C-alpha atoms as a PDB file:
ATOM      1  CA  MET A   1      75.877  21.707 111.356  1.00  0.00           C
ATOM      2  CA  GLU A   2      79.440  21.721 108.639  1.00  0.00           C
ATOM      3  CA  PHE A   3      79.927  19.538 106.058  1.00  0.00           C
ATOM      4  CA  ILE A   4      83.311  18.148 104.517  1.00  0.00           C
ATOM      5  CA  GLY A   5      82.251  16.277 101.618  1.00  0.00           C
ATOM      6  CA  GLU A   6      79.365  14.837  99.382  1.00  0.00           C
ATOM      7  CA  PRO A   7      76.418  13.798 100.945  1.00  0.00           C
ATOM      8  CA  ILE A   8      76.133   9.706 101.254  1.00  0.00           C
ATOM      9  CA  GLY A   9      73.278   7.826 100.302  1.00  0.00           C
ATOM     10  CA  GLU A  10      71.656   5.443 102.711  1.00  0.00           C
ATOM     11  CA  GLU A  11      72.880   2.151 101.044  1.00  0.00           C
ATOM     12  CA  ASP A  12      76.565   3.372 101.032  1.00  0.00           C
ATOM     13  CA  PHE A  13      76.152   4.943 104.460  1.00  0.00           C
ATOM     14  CA  ILE A  14      75.291   1.581 106.093  1.00  0.00           C
ATOM     15  CA  GLU A  15      77.834  -0.567 104.236  1.00  0.00           C
ATOM     16  CA  HIS A  16      80.643   1.756 104.843  1.00  0.00           C
ATOM     17  CA  TYR A  17      79.540   2.126 108.495  1.00  0.00           C
ATOM     18  CA  MET A  18      79.583  -1.348 109.237  1.00  0.00           C
ATOM     19  CA  TYR A  19      82.621  -1.960 107.248  1.00  0.00           C
ATOM     20  CA  LEU A  20      84.326   0.734 109.294  1.00  0.00           C
ATOM     21  CA  PHE A  21      82.861  -0.938 112.154  1.00  0.00           C
ATOM     22  CA  GLU A  22      83.629  -4.508 111.942  1.00  0.00           C
ATOM     23  CA  SER A  23      87.247  -3.803 110.976  1.00  0.00           C
ATOM     24  CA  SER A  24      87.624  -1.276 114.122  1.00  0.00           C
ATOM     25  CA  ILE A  25      86.203  -4.182 116.101  1.00  0.00           C
ATOM     26  CA  ARG A  26      88.405  -6.959 114.520  1.00  0.00           C
ATOM     27  CA  GLN A  27      91.680  -5.068 115.188  1.00  0.00           C
ATOM     28  CA  LEU A  28      90.862  -3.700 118.343  1.00  0.00           C
ATOM     29  CA  CYS A  29      89.702  -7.286 120.006  1.00  0.00           C
ATOM     30  CA  SER A  30      91.867  -9.339 117.849  1.00  0.00           C
ATOM     31  CA  ILE A  31      89.074 -11.195 116.398  1.00  0.00           C
ATOM     32  CA  ASP A  32      89.138 -13.407 113.329  1.00  0.00           C
ATOM     33  CA  GLU A  33      85.536 -14.806 113.213  1.00  0.00           C
ATOM     34  CA  PHE A  34      83.004 -13.275 115.011  1.00  0.00           C
ATOM     35  CA  LEU A  35      81.032 -15.416 117.161  1.00  0.00           C
ATOM     36  CA  PRO A  36      77.350 -16.019 116.947  1.00  0.00           C
ATOM     37  CA  LYS A  37      76.536 -13.753 119.982  1.00  0.00           C
ATOM     38  CA  GLU A  38      78.740 -10.973 118.233  1.00  0.00           C
ATOM     39  CA  LYS A  39      77.002 -11.675 115.245  1.00  0.00           C
ATOM     40  CA  GLU A  40      73.736 -10.961 117.015  1.00  0.00           C
ATOM     41  CA  TYR A  41      75.426  -7.518 117.883  1.00  0.00           C
ATOM     42  CA  LEU A  42      76.510  -6.633 114.298  1.00  0.00           C
ATOM     43  CA  GLN A  43      73.006  -7.132 113.187  1.00  0.00           C
ATOM     44  CA  ALA A  44      71.739  -4.606 115.932  1.00  0.00           C
ATOM     45  CA  GLU A  45      74.542  -2.322 115.101  1.00  0.00           C
ATOM     46  CA  TYR A  46      73.393  -2.407 111.443  1.00  0.00           C
ATOM     47  CA  ARG A  47      69.933  -1.442 112.627  1.00  0.00           C
ATOM     48  CA  CYS A  48      71.771   1.443 114.488  1.00  0.00           C
ATOM     49  CA  ALA A  49      73.620   2.114 111.404  1.00  0.00           C
ATOM     50  CA  TRP A  50      70.001   2.995 109.463  1.00  0.00           C
ATOM     51  CA  LEU A  51      68.614   4.616 112.492  1.00  0.00           C
ATOM     52  CA  LEU A  52      71.275   6.761 112.581  1.00  0.00           C
ATOM     53  CA  TYR A  53      71.112   7.452 108.971  1.00  0.00           C
ATOM     54  CA  GLN A  54      67.284   8.073 108.724  1.00  0.00           C
ATOM     55  CA  LYS A  55      67.177  10.388 112.283  1.00  0.00           C
ATOM     56  CA  PHE A  56      70.433  12.699 110.577  1.00  0.00           C
ATOM     57  CA  GLU A  57      68.410  13.412 107.355  1.00  0.00           C
ATOM     58  CA  ALA A  58      65.169  13.644 109.303  1.00  0.00           C
ATOM     59  CA  GLU A  59      66.676  16.443 111.357  1.00  0.00           C
ATOM     60  CA  GLN A  60      69.210  18.084 108.672  1.00  0.00           C
ATOM     61  CA  LYS A  61      66.663  17.462 105.895  1.00  0.00           C
ATOM     62  CA  CYS A  62      69.365  16.255 103.839  1.00  0.00           C
ATOM     63  CA  PRO A  63      72.005  12.756 103.703  1.00  0.00           C
ATOM     64  CA  PRO A  64      74.881  12.791 106.002  1.00  0.00           C
ATOM     65  CA  ASP A  65      78.827  13.070 104.859  1.00  0.00           C
ATOM     66  CA  TYR A  66      81.688  10.873 105.591  1.00  0.00           C
ATOM     67  CA  ARG A  67      82.244  13.309 108.212  1.00  0.00           C
ATOM     68  CA  PHE A  68      79.293  12.232 110.225  1.00  0.00           C
ATOM     69  CA  LEU A  69      79.778   8.969 109.292  1.00  0.00           C
ATOM     70  CA  SER A  70      83.366   8.752 110.742  1.00  0.00           C
ATOM     71  CA  ASP A  71      82.495  10.482 114.026  1.00  0.00           C
ATOM     72  CA  SER A  72      79.571   7.627 114.191  1.00  0.00           C
ATOM     73  CA  VAL A  73      81.325   4.839 113.951  1.00  0.00           C
ATOM     74  CA  THR A  74      84.227   6.285 116.117  1.00  0.00           C
ATOM     75  CA  ASN A  75      81.748   6.717 119.087  1.00  0.00           C
ATOM     76  CA  ALA A  76      79.587   3.587 118.362  1.00  0.00           C
ATOM     77  CA  VAL A  77      83.012   1.398 118.626  1.00  0.00           C
ATOM     78  CA  ILE A  78      84.157   3.381 121.830  1.00  0.00           C
ATOM     79  CA  ALA A  79      80.617   2.580 123.127  1.00  0.00           C
ATOM     80  CA  ARG A  80      80.364  -1.036 122.107  1.00  0.00           C
ATOM     81  CA  GLU A  81      83.789  -2.533 122.107  1.00  0.00           C
ATOM     82  CA  TYR A  82      83.185  -3.866 125.622  1.00  0.00           C
ATOM     83  CA  LEU A  83      80.428  -5.960 124.140  1.00  0.00           C
ATOM     84  CA  PHE A  84      83.338  -7.918 122.207  1.00  0.00           C
ATOM     85  CA  GLN A  85      86.066  -7.420 124.513  1.00  0.00           C
ATOM     86  CA  GLU A  86      83.952 -10.044 126.676  1.00  0.00           C
ATOM     87  CA  ARG A  87      84.266 -12.895 124.599  1.00  0.00           C
ATOM     88  CA  GLU A  88      86.626 -14.793 127.100  1.00  0.00           C
ATOM     89  CA  LYS A  89      84.133 -14.428 129.918  1.00  0.00           C
ATOM     90  CA  ASN A  90      81.196 -16.044 127.776  1.00  0.00           C
ATOM     91  CA  ILE A  91      82.716 -17.598 124.704  1.00  0.00           C
ATOM     92  CA  MET A  92      80.559 -19.944 124.410  1.00  0.00           C
ATOM     93  CA  ASN A  93      77.120 -20.587 123.701  1.00  0.00           C
ATOM     94  CA  SER A  94      75.257 -24.082 123.045  1.00  0.00           C
ATOM     95  CA  GLU A  95      75.339 -23.331 119.303  1.00  0.00           C
ATOM     96  CA  HIS A  96      78.671 -22.277 118.871  1.00  0.00           C
ATOM     97  CA  PHE A  97      79.823 -25.469 120.788  1.00  0.00           C
ATOM     98  CA  ALA A  98      77.637 -27.482 118.472  1.00  0.00           C
ATOM     99  CA  GLU A  99      79.234 -25.839 115.730  1.00  0.00           C
ATOM    100  CA  ARG A 100      82.976 -26.561 117.158  1.00  0.00           C
ATOM    101  CA  TYR A 101      81.710 -29.933 117.498  1.00  0.00           C
ATOM    102  CA  ILE A 102      80.236 -30.808 114.253  1.00  0.00           C
ATOM    103  CA  VAL A 103      83.388 -28.751 112.475  1.00  0.00           C
ATOM    104  CA  LEU A 104      85.475 -31.262 114.401  1.00  0.00           C
ATOM    105  CA  LEU A 105      83.838 -34.341 113.321  1.00  0.00           C
ATOM    106  CA  ARG A 106      83.821 -32.723 109.660  1.00  0.00           C
ATOM    107  CA  SER A 107      87.627 -31.968 109.850  1.00  0.00           C
ATOM    108  CA  GLU A 108      88.815 -35.478 110.956  1.00  0.00           C
ATOM    109  CA  GLY A 109      86.884 -37.157 108.166  1.00  0.00           C
ATOM    110  CA  LEU A 110      84.281 -39.039 110.314  1.00  0.00           C
ATOM    111  CA  LEU A 111      81.291 -36.888 109.360  1.00  0.00           C
ATOM    112  CA  THR A 112      81.058 -36.517 105.367  1.00  0.00           C
ATOM    113  CA  PRO A 113      78.356 -37.325 102.451  1.00  0.00           C
ATOM    114  CA  VAL A 114      81.097 -39.941 101.555  1.00  0.00           C
ATOM    115  CA  VAL A 115      81.295 -41.804 104.597  1.00  0.00           C
ATOM    116  CA  PHE A 116      77.124 -42.083 105.446  1.00  0.00           C
ATOM    117  CA  GLY A 117      75.476 -40.886 102.027  1.00  0.00           C
ATOM    118  CA  ALA A 118      73.930 -37.770 101.217  1.00  0.00           C
ATOM    119  CA  ALA A 119      70.665 -38.710 102.873  1.00  0.00           C
ATOM    120  CA  ASP A 120      72.141 -40.133 105.953  1.00  0.00           C
ATOM    121  CA  PHE A 121      74.550 -37.643 106.308  1.00  0.00           C
ATOM    122  CA  ALA A 122      72.248 -34.718 106.582  1.00  0.00           C
ATOM    123  CA  PHE A 123      70.157 -36.839 109.305  1.00  0.00           C
ATOM    124  CA  ILE A 124      73.384 -37.502 111.411  1.00  0.00           C
ATOM    125  CA  MET A 125      74.577 -34.177 111.188  1.00  0.00           C
ATOM    126  CA  GLU A 126      71.308 -32.898 112.930  1.00  0.00           C
ATOM    127  CA  SER A 127      71.256 -35.579 115.341  1.00  0.00           C
ATOM    128  CA  GLU A 128      74.803 -34.731 116.560  1.00  0.00           C
ATOM    129  CA  ARG A 129      74.197 -31.048 116.488  1.00  0.00           C
ATOM    130  CA  HIS A 130      71.237 -31.615 118.683  1.00  0.00           C
ATOM    131  CA  ARG A 131      73.219 -34.130 121.151  1.00  0.00           C
ATOM    132  CA  ALA A 132      75.881 -31.525 121.256  1.00  0.00           C
ATOM    133  CA  ILE A 133      73.604 -28.581 122.336  1.00  0.00           C
ATOM    134  CA  LYS A 134      71.819 -31.110 125.103  1.00  0.00           C
ATOM    135  CA  ARG A 135      75.658 -32.297 126.306  1.00  0.00           C
ATOM    136  CA  TYR A 136      76.249 -28.463 126.585  1.00  0.00           C
ATOM    137  CA  ASP A 137      73.100 -27.777 128.398  1.00  0.00           C
ATOM    138  CA  GLU A 138      73.581 -30.365 131.034  1.00  0.00           C
ATOM    139  CA  GLU A 139      77.230 -28.880 131.417  1.00  0.00           C
ATOM    140  CA  ASP A 140      76.585 -25.404 131.782  1.00  0.00           C
ATOM    141  CA  THR A 141      74.645 -25.454 135.112  1.00  0.00           C
ATOM    142  CA  PHE A 142      75.171 -22.743 137.561  1.00  0.00           C
ATOM    143  CA  THR A 143      76.383 -22.749 141.187  1.00  0.00           C
ATOM    144  CA  GLU A 144      77.206 -19.503 142.610  1.00  0.00           C
ATOM    145  CA  GLY A 145      80.637 -19.393 143.664  1.00  0.00           C
ATOM    146  CA  TYR A 146      81.760 -21.807 140.736  1.00  0.00           C
ATOM    147  CA  GLU A 147      80.802 -19.842 137.656  1.00  0.00           C
ATOM    148  CA  MET A 148      84.216 -21.397 136.419  1.00  0.00           C
ATOM    149  CA  MET A 149      82.976 -24.358 136.225  1.00  0.00           C
ATOM    150  CA  ARG A 150      80.407 -23.958 133.099  1.00  0.00           C
ATOM    151  CA  ILE A 151      81.391 -24.870 130.259  1.00  0.00           C
ATOM    152  CA  GLN A 152      80.696 -21.466 128.644  1.00  0.00           C
ATOM    153  CA  ASN A 153      83.492 -20.356 131.043  1.00  0.00           C
ATOM    154  CA  ASN A 154      85.688 -23.239 130.699  1.00  0.00           C
ATOM    155  CA  ARG A 155      88.029 -23.573 127.513  1.00  0.00           C
ATOM    156  CA  PHE A 156      89.491 -27.007 129.143  1.00  0.00           C
ATOM    157  CA  LEU A 157      85.671 -28.450 130.022  1.00  0.00           C
ATOM    158  CA  GLN A 158      84.604 -27.452 126.136  1.00  0.00           C
ATOM    159  CA  ASN A 159      87.485 -29.369 124.658  1.00  0.00           C
ATOM    160  CA  PHE A 160      86.873 -32.220 126.833  1.00  0.00           C
ATOM    161  CA  VAL A 161      83.155 -32.410 126.417  1.00  0.00           C
ATOM    162  CA  ILE A 162      83.905 -32.145 122.568  1.00  0.00           C
ATOM    163  CA  GLN A 163      86.579 -34.988 122.884  1.00  0.00           C
ATOM    164  CA  GLN A 164      84.019 -37.115 124.622  1.00  0.00           C
ATOM    165  CA  LEU A 165      81.207 -36.441 122.355  1.00  0.00           C
ATOM    166  CA  ALA A 166      83.788 -37.236 119.477  1.00  0.00           C
ATOM    167  CA  ASP A 167      84.370 -40.745 120.977  1.00  0.00           C
ATOM    168  CA  GLY A 168      80.829 -41.362 121.447  1.00  0.00           C
ATOM    169  CA  PHE A 169      80.316 -40.593 117.712  1.00  0.00           C
ATOM    170  CA  LEU A 170      82.558 -43.409 116.915  1.00  0.00           C
ATOM    171  CA  ASP A 171      80.779 -45.779 119.417  1.00  0.00           C
ATOM    172  CA  HIS A 172      77.448 -45.017 118.109  1.00  0.00           C
ATOM    173  CA  TYR A 173      78.545 -45.064 114.185  1.00  0.00           C
ATOM    174  CA  SER A 174      81.259 -47.516 114.084  1.00  0.00           C
ATOM    175  CA  VAL A 175      79.092 -50.472 112.751  1.00  0.00           C
ATOM    176  CA  TYR A 176      77.275 -47.928 110.006  1.00  0.00           C
ATOM    177  CA  MET A 177      80.586 -46.677 109.241  1.00  0.00           C
ATOM    178  CA  LYS A 178      82.370 -50.342 108.772  1.00  0.00           C
ATOM    179  CA  LYS A 179      79.163 -51.587 106.764  1.00  0.00           C
ATOM    180  CA  ARG A 180      79.296 -48.765 104.398  1.00  0.00           C
ATOM    181  CA  GLN A 181      82.871 -49.142 103.656  1.00  0.00           C
ATOM    182  CA  GLU A 182      82.324 -52.787 102.949  1.00  0.00           C
ATOM    183  CA  GLY A 183      79.239 -52.431 101.022  1.00  0.00           C
END
């Protein structure tokens, strides 16, 4: 194998590999923030980078160089770009849906430690997260031929259900919030 530059240590190899891989995927797929499923892909890619390094070192009896790093990242991006391109097909899962709901409540100032107090805030936040996941699961039923009606595939339904949950939040906690503000 022909070497162009200095060998790279394991930690630097993996760090550079992941930086280049993530940057390339972000640019190619127009991603600002990775979704939970995509973060799983990145964790798997991290393991691939580690394994590539180990395999190279075992076979070549020396650490890889930047040329190998560059070629490896290029091949990985080409091979796995489709995983990140499919985000529109399955943009949502229950955890991400619940997180979007919690972010909405917090950004609207409805769910904050100031409104509920520190102890109740944590409990209510987890309760609402559970409520959102449960509702997501109810809406994500599969009927053959009607995949577009699953919440994971339908942005309108996602936004509609999040708004329903937020309205329900106000119904559930309005008395508590009023008492807290008065007291």
